[in-house]
Amino acid sequence: MDDNTYRVYEDEIQALEEEIKLLTEKYEDIQQESTFFSEEEILKSIKSFQREMLGESKGHESPSDLKAQLESLETDLSFLMKLTGFQFTSHSKKTVEKTRDRTVQKHRLSGNCHSLSFQLEFQLLEMQSKEKVSSVITDLNIIMESGEDSGVSKFVSSVEEHGNLVTFFRSLSTYAEWYEHRRRTFLHFK
């Protein structure tokens, strides 16, 4: 055989080796992705998908069923707003970075708690490992009209520093409720 024939075979062998390498990497990625979910989660997803497929084959829900669902959701939302005092007026989410094991999203949220308005901006960093998904809030920025109360400003600064949204919402709910009571009391005496 001449050199050209050997060269053609060598090129073909190299191309096949590269294809095997790519397919192996793809297989490993799929295997790794499937380990992110437990068997229970996978079974729930399969059952949910099957229900959706059965629902589509039977046809869409009737408008009266959808209307009843919507009314139920509105009732639940109204109850939660009365319970907590929070009313969210806008929310936007933008994915800044997305890789296989890391996602960064920028959120903007505004609303009212009783009579106090607030705006939040933060980044949510989600990292996936084989066992779990962890989330971290970074770059938290809270904008509130605190008026003359320096305690609120200190509190907001502390929450921004620690990135603890749960503390912010719990404390804001309590503070805003009592702020509203004080405001009404002072109006009564004026």
C-alpha atoms as a PDB file:
ATOM      1  CA  MET A   1       0.000   0.000   0.000  1.00  0.00           C
ATOM      2  CA  ASP A   2       1.129   3.481  -0.664  1.00  0.00           C
ATOM      3  CA  ASP A   3       1.416   6.443   1.712  1.00  0.00           C
ATOM      4  CA  ASN A   4      -1.856   8.024   0.523  1.00  0.00           C
ATOM      5  CA  THR A   5      -3.864   4.959   1.524  1.00  0.00           C
ATOM      6  CA  TYR A   6      -2.215   4.896   4.982  1.00  0.00           C
ATOM      7  CA  ARG A   7      -2.896   8.606   5.373  1.00  0.00           C
ATOM      8  CA  VAL A   8      -6.594   8.180   4.520  1.00  0.00           C
ATOM      9  CA  TYR A   9      -6.916   5.350   7.064  1.00  0.00           C
ATOM     10  CA  GLU A  10      -5.058   7.320   9.732  1.00  0.00           C
ATOM     11  CA  ASP A  11      -7.298  10.355   9.154  1.00  0.00           C
ATOM     12  CA  GLU A  12     -10.385   8.150   9.398  1.00  0.00           C
ATOM     13  CA  ILE A  13      -9.098   6.531  12.612  1.00  0.00           C
ATOM     14  CA  GLN A  14      -8.358   9.953  14.135  1.00  0.00           C
ATOM     15  CA  ALA A  15     -11.832  11.229  13.195  1.00  0.00           C
ATOM     16  CA  LEU A  16     -13.434   8.157  14.780  1.00  0.00           C
ATOM     17  CA  GLU A  17     -11.353   8.571  17.953  1.00  0.00           C
ATOM     18  CA  GLU A  18     -12.478  12.219  18.240  1.00  0.00           C
ATOM     19  CA  GLU A  19     -16.104  11.204  17.715  1.00  0.00           C
ATOM     20  CA  ILE A  20     -15.774   8.523  20.424  1.00  0.00           C
ATOM     21  CA  LYS A  21     -14.269  11.104  22.778  1.00  0.00           C
ATOM     22  CA  LEU A  22     -17.118  13.572  22.148  1.00  0.00           C
ATOM     23  CA  LEU A  23     -19.774  10.886  22.605  1.00  0.00           C
ATOM     24  CA  THR A  24     -18.114   9.723  25.832  1.00  0.00           C
ATOM     25  CA  GLU A  25     -18.104  13.286  27.203  1.00  0.00           C
ATOM     26  CA  LYS A  26     -21.750  13.731  26.211  1.00  0.00           C
ATOM     27  CA  TYR A  27     -22.666  10.442  27.908  1.00  0.00           C
ATOM     28  CA  GLU A  28     -20.833  11.466  31.092  1.00  0.00           C
ATOM     29  CA  ASP A  29     -22.633  14.824  31.103  1.00  0.00           C
ATOM     30  CA  ILE A  30     -26.000  13.097  30.792  1.00  0.00           C
ATOM     31  CA  GLN A  31     -25.093  10.660  33.559  1.00  0.00           C
ATOM     32  CA  GLN A  32     -23.982  13.524  35.807  1.00  0.00           C
ATOM     33  CA  GLU A  33     -27.175  15.500  35.130  1.00  0.00           C
ATOM     34  CA  SER A  34     -29.314  12.510  35.992  1.00  0.00           C
ATOM     35  CA  THR A  35     -27.574  12.150  39.367  1.00  0.00           C
ATOM     36  CA  PHE A  36     -28.716  15.652  40.355  1.00  0.00           C
ATOM     37  CA  PHE A  37     -32.221  14.254  40.876  1.00  0.00           C
ATOM     38  CA  SER A  38     -33.300  11.540  43.260  1.00  0.00           C
ATOM     39  CA  GLU A  39     -35.367   8.588  42.077  1.00  0.00           C
ATOM     40  CA  GLU A  40     -38.362  10.094  43.846  1.00  0.00           C
ATOM     41  CA  GLU A  41     -37.995  13.389  41.958  1.00  0.00           C
ATOM     42  CA  ILE A  42     -37.639  11.576  38.644  1.00  0.00           C
ATOM     43  CA  LEU A  43     -40.759   9.486  39.341  1.00  0.00           C
ATOM     44  CA  LYS A  44     -42.717  12.626  40.289  1.00  0.00           C
ATOM     45  CA  SER A  45     -41.626  14.284  37.049  1.00  0.00           C
ATOM     46  CA  ILE A  46     -42.626  11.259  35.005  1.00  0.00           C
ATOM     47  CA  LYS A  47     -46.047  11.091  36.679  1.00  0.00           C
ATOM     48  CA  SER A  48     -46.543  14.826  36.200  1.00  0.00           C
ATOM     49  CA  PHE A  49     -45.600  14.524  32.545  1.00  0.00           C
ATOM     50  CA  GLN A  50     -47.990  11.592  32.102  1.00  0.00           C
ATOM     51  CA  ARG A  51     -50.823  13.592  33.710  1.00  0.00           C
ATOM     52  CA  GLU A  52     -50.114  16.479  31.361  1.00  0.00           C
ATOM     53  CA  MET A  53     -50.100  14.176  28.358  1.00  0.00           C
ATOM     54  CA  LEU A  54     -53.365  12.549  29.456  1.00  0.00           C
ATOM     55  CA  GLY A  55     -54.857  15.994  30.017  1.00  0.00           C
ATOM     56  CA  GLU A  56     -53.852  17.044  26.510  1.00  0.00           C
ATOM     57  CA  SER A  57     -55.292  13.904  24.960  1.00  0.00           C
ATOM     58  CA  LYS A  58     -58.594  14.424  26.787  1.00  0.00           C
ATOM     59  CA  GLY A  59     -58.671  18.070  25.785  1.00  0.00           C
ATOM     60  CA  HIS A  60     -58.212  21.253  27.711  1.00  0.00           C
ATOM     61  CA  GLU A  61     -60.076  21.983  30.900  1.00  0.00           C
ATOM     62  CA  SER A  62     -63.367  23.741  30.493  1.00  0.00           C
ATOM     63  CA  PRO A  63     -63.452  27.529  30.853  1.00  0.00           C
ATOM     64  CA  SER A  64     -65.587  27.205  33.990  1.00  0.00           C
ATOM     65  CA  ASP A  65     -62.935  24.964  35.616  1.00  0.00           C
ATOM     66  CA  LEU A  66     -60.192  27.428  34.707  1.00  0.00           C
ATOM     67  CA  LYS A  67     -62.286  30.313  36.037  1.00  0.00           C
ATOM     68  CA  ALA A  68     -62.861  28.444  39.326  1.00  0.00           C
ATOM     69  CA  GLN A  69     -59.115  27.770  39.613  1.00  0.00           C
ATOM     70  CA  LEU A  70     -58.345  31.430  38.963  1.00  0.00           C
ATOM     71  CA  GLU A  71     -60.862  32.569  41.582  1.00  0.00           C
ATOM     72  CA  SER A  72     -59.369  30.123  44.086  1.00  0.00           C
ATOM     73  CA  LEU A  73     -55.854  31.432  43.406  1.00  0.00           C
ATOM     74  CA  GLU A  74     -57.042  35.033  43.720  1.00  0.00           C
ATOM     75  CA  THR A  75     -58.681  34.194  47.053  1.00  0.00           C
ATOM     76  CA  ASP A  76     -55.449  32.589  48.299  1.00  0.00           C
ATOM     77  CA  LEU A  77     -53.414  35.584  47.141  1.00  0.00           C
ATOM     78  CA  SER A  78     -55.798  37.993  48.826  1.00  0.00           C
ATOM     79  CA  PHE A  79     -55.574  36.014  52.080  1.00  0.00           C
ATOM     80  CA  LEU A  80     -51.743  36.048  51.973  1.00  0.00           C
ATOM     81  CA  MET A  81     -51.699  39.786  51.279  1.00  0.00           C
ATOM     82  CA  LYS A  82     -53.994  40.449  54.258  1.00  0.00           C
ATOM     83  CA  LEU A  83     -51.990  38.111  56.486  1.00  0.00           C
ATOM     84  CA  THR A  84     -48.542  39.501  55.678  1.00  0.00           C
ATOM     85  CA  GLY A  85     -49.349  43.010  54.465  1.00  0.00           C
ATOM     86  CA  PHE A  86     -47.162  42.509  51.391  1.00  0.00           C
ATOM     87  CA  GLN A  87     -48.327  43.500  47.959  1.00  0.00           C
ATOM     88  CA  PHE A  88     -45.792  43.003  45.184  1.00  0.00           C
ATOM     89  CA  THR A  89     -46.198  45.421  42.295  1.00  0.00           C
ATOM     90  CA  SER A  90     -43.445  44.274  39.949  1.00  0.00           C
ATOM     91  CA  HIS A  91     -40.814  41.590  39.517  1.00  0.00           C
ATOM     92  CA  SER A  92     -38.223  41.049  36.822  1.00  0.00           C
ATOM     93  CA  LYS A  93     -35.645  38.306  36.447  1.00  0.00           C
ATOM     94  CA  LYS A  94     -32.685  38.197  34.090  1.00  0.00           C
ATOM     95  CA  THR A  95     -30.209  35.331  33.746  1.00  0.00           C
ATOM     96  CA  VAL A  96     -26.727  36.811  33.828  1.00  0.00           C
ATOM     97  CA  GLU A  97     -24.672  33.607  33.649  1.00  0.00           C
ATOM     98  CA  LYS A  98     -25.574  29.969  33.156  1.00  0.00           C
ATOM     99  CA  THR A  99     -23.240  27.015  33.155  1.00  0.00           C
ATOM    100  CA  ARG A 100     -23.771  23.343  33.855  1.00  0.00           C
ATOM    101  CA  ASP A 101     -23.286  23.680  37.612  1.00  0.00           C
ATOM    102  CA  ARG A 102     -23.793  27.408  38.225  1.00  0.00           C
ATOM    103  CA  THR A 103     -26.542  29.928  37.464  1.00  0.00           C
ATOM    104  CA  VAL A 104     -26.583  33.639  38.270  1.00  0.00           C
ATOM    105  CA  GLN A 105     -29.859  35.555  38.002  1.00  0.00           C
ATOM    106  CA  LYS A 106     -30.506  39.242  38.654  1.00  0.00           C
ATOM    107  CA  HIS A 107     -33.845  40.012  40.312  1.00  0.00           C
ATOM    108  CA  ARG A 108     -35.698  43.297  40.758  1.00  0.00           C
ATOM    109  CA  LEU A 109     -38.696  43.357  43.040  1.00  0.00           C
ATOM    110  CA  SER A 110     -40.885  46.201  44.212  1.00  0.00           C
ATOM    111  CA  GLY A 111     -43.948  46.403  46.369  1.00  0.00           C
ATOM    112  CA  ASN A 112     -45.596  47.680  49.510  1.00  0.00           C
ATOM    113  CA  CYS A 113     -45.907  46.366  53.010  1.00  0.00           C
ATOM    114  CA  HIS A 114     -48.899  48.082  54.593  1.00  0.00           C
ATOM    115  CA  SER A 115     -48.091  51.713  53.733  1.00  0.00           C
ATOM    116  CA  LEU A 116     -44.310  51.380  53.318  1.00  0.00           C
ATOM    117  CA  SER A 117     -42.928  50.926  49.817  1.00  0.00           C
ATOM    118  CA  PHE A 118     -39.729  49.071  49.020  1.00  0.00           C
ATOM    119  CA  GLN A 119     -37.562  48.019  46.101  1.00  0.00           C
ATOM    120  CA  LEU A 120     -35.055  45.176  46.071  1.00  0.00           C
ATOM    121  CA  GLU A 121     -32.289  44.339  43.652  1.00  0.00           C
ATOM    122  CA  PHE A 122     -30.163  41.256  44.152  1.00  0.00           C
ATOM    123  CA  GLN A 123     -28.331  38.474  42.401  1.00  0.00           C
ATOM    124  CA  LEU A 124     -29.187  34.868  43.120  1.00  0.00           C
ATOM    125  CA  LEU A 125     -26.286  32.456  42.685  1.00  0.00           C
ATOM    126  CA  GLU A 126     -27.357  28.805  42.443  1.00  0.00           C
ATOM    127  CA  MET A 127     -24.663  26.133  42.533  1.00  0.00           C
ATOM    128  CA  GLN A 128     -25.346  22.467  41.887  1.00  0.00           C
ATOM    129  CA  SER A 129     -23.299  19.640  43.273  1.00  0.00           C
ATOM    130  CA  LYS A 130     -23.991  15.933  43.036  1.00  0.00           C
ATOM    131  CA  GLU A 131     -26.017  15.876  46.260  1.00  0.00           C
ATOM    132  CA  LYS A 132     -27.731  19.266  46.443  1.00  0.00           C
ATOM    133  CA  VAL A 133     -28.429  22.708  45.062  1.00  0.00           C
ATOM    134  CA  SER A 134     -27.328  25.677  47.134  1.00  0.00           C
ATOM    135  CA  SER A 135     -28.442  29.275  46.672  1.00  0.00           C
ATOM    136  CA  VAL A 136     -26.684  32.435  47.788  1.00  0.00           C
ATOM    137  CA  ILE A 137     -27.933  36.006  47.573  1.00  0.00           C
ATOM    138  CA  THR A 138     -25.293  38.528  46.520  1.00  0.00           C
ATOM    139  CA  ASP A 139     -25.258  42.236  45.677  1.00  0.00           C
ATOM    140  CA  LEU A 140     -28.400  42.972  47.700  1.00  0.00           C
ATOM    141  CA  ASN A 141     -29.610  46.534  47.393  1.00  0.00           C
ATOM    142  CA  ILE A 142     -32.722  47.676  49.307  1.00  0.00           C
ATOM    143  CA  ILE A 143     -34.385  51.003  48.629  1.00  0.00           C
ATOM    144  CA  MET A 144     -36.935  52.179  51.207  1.00  0.00           C
ATOM    145  CA  GLU A 145     -38.430  55.459  52.184  1.00  0.00           C
ATOM    146  CA  SER A 146     -37.450  55.328  55.836  1.00  0.00           C
ATOM    147  CA  GLY A 147     -38.303  58.957  56.522  1.00  0.00           C
ATOM    148  CA  GLU A 148     -36.709  60.205  59.712  1.00  0.00           C
ATOM    149  CA  ASP A 149     -36.221  56.787  61.326  1.00  0.00           C
ATOM    150  CA  SER A 150     -32.478  56.051  61.504  1.00  0.00           C
ATOM    151  CA  GLY A 151     -33.211  52.588  62.953  1.00  0.00           C
ATOM    152  CA  VAL A 152     -34.688  51.521  59.633  1.00  0.00           C
ATOM    153  CA  SER A 153     -31.623  52.776  57.770  1.00  0.00           C
ATOM    154  CA  LYS A 154     -29.331  50.810  60.082  1.00  0.00           C
ATOM    155  CA  PHE A 155     -31.494  47.726  59.733  1.00  0.00           C
ATOM    156  CA  VAL A 156     -31.524  47.982  55.918  1.00  0.00           C
ATOM    157  CA  SER A 157     -27.720  48.402  55.881  1.00  0.00           C
ATOM    158  CA  SER A 158     -27.307  45.328  58.081  1.00  0.00           C
ATOM    159  CA  VAL A 159     -29.605  43.215  55.893  1.00  0.00           C
ATOM    160  CA  GLU A 160     -27.786  44.352  52.741  1.00  0.00           C
ATOM    161  CA  GLU A 161     -24.460  43.419  54.317  1.00  0.00           C
ATOM    162  CA  HIS A 162     -25.605  39.927  55.322  1.00  0.00           C
ATOM    163  CA  GLY A 163     -27.868  39.305  52.293  1.00  0.00           C
ATOM    164  CA  ASN A 164     -30.657  37.866  54.449  1.00  0.00           C
ATOM    165  CA  LEU A 165     -33.985  38.405  52.677  1.00  0.00           C
ATOM    166  CA  VAL A 166     -35.987  36.278  55.117  1.00  0.00           C
ATOM    167  CA  THR A 167     -34.974  38.568  57.984  1.00  0.00           C
ATOM    168  CA  PHE A 168     -35.839  41.593  55.872  1.00  0.00           C
ATOM    169  CA  PHE A 169     -39.351  40.396  55.017  1.00  0.00           C
ATOM    170  CA  ARG A 170     -40.143  39.217  58.556  1.00  0.00           C
ATOM    171  CA  SER A 171     -38.905  42.410  60.162  1.00  0.00           C
ATOM    172  CA  LEU A 172     -40.453  44.687  57.555  1.00  0.00           C
ATOM    173  CA  SER A 173     -43.835  43.030  58.030  1.00  0.00           C
ATOM    174  CA  THR A 174     -43.771  43.601  61.801  1.00  0.00           C
ATOM    175  CA  TYR A 175     -42.306  47.101  61.549  1.00  0.00           C
ATOM    176  CA  ALA A 176     -44.756  48.208  58.846  1.00  0.00           C
ATOM    177  CA  GLU A 177     -47.723  46.900  60.807  1.00  0.00           C
ATOM    178  CA  TRP A 178     -46.727  48.875  63.905  1.00  0.00           C
ATOM    179  CA  TYR A 179     -45.752  51.883  61.777  1.00  0.00           C
ATOM    180  CA  GLU A 180     -49.275  51.902  60.405  1.00  0.00           C
ATOM    181  CA  HIS A 181     -50.743  51.679  63.940  1.00  0.00           C
ATOM    182  CA  ARG A 182     -48.569  54.611  65.105  1.00  0.00           C
ATOM    183  CA  ARG A 183     -49.496  56.665  62.042  1.00  0.00           C
ATOM    184  CA  ARG A 184     -53.218  56.131  62.635  1.00  0.00           C
ATOM    185  CA  THR A 185     -52.827  56.911  66.350  1.00  0.00           C
ATOM    186  CA  PHE A 186     -51.039  60.216  65.650  1.00  0.00           C
ATOM    187  CA  LEU A 187     -53.642  61.139  63.041  1.00  0.00           C
ATOM    188  CA  HIS A 188     -56.320  60.528  65.657  1.00  0.00           C
ATOM    189  CA  PHE A 189     -54.720  63.038  68.046  1.00  0.00           C
ATOM    190  CA  LYS A 190     -54.146  65.720  65.395  1.00  0.00           C
END
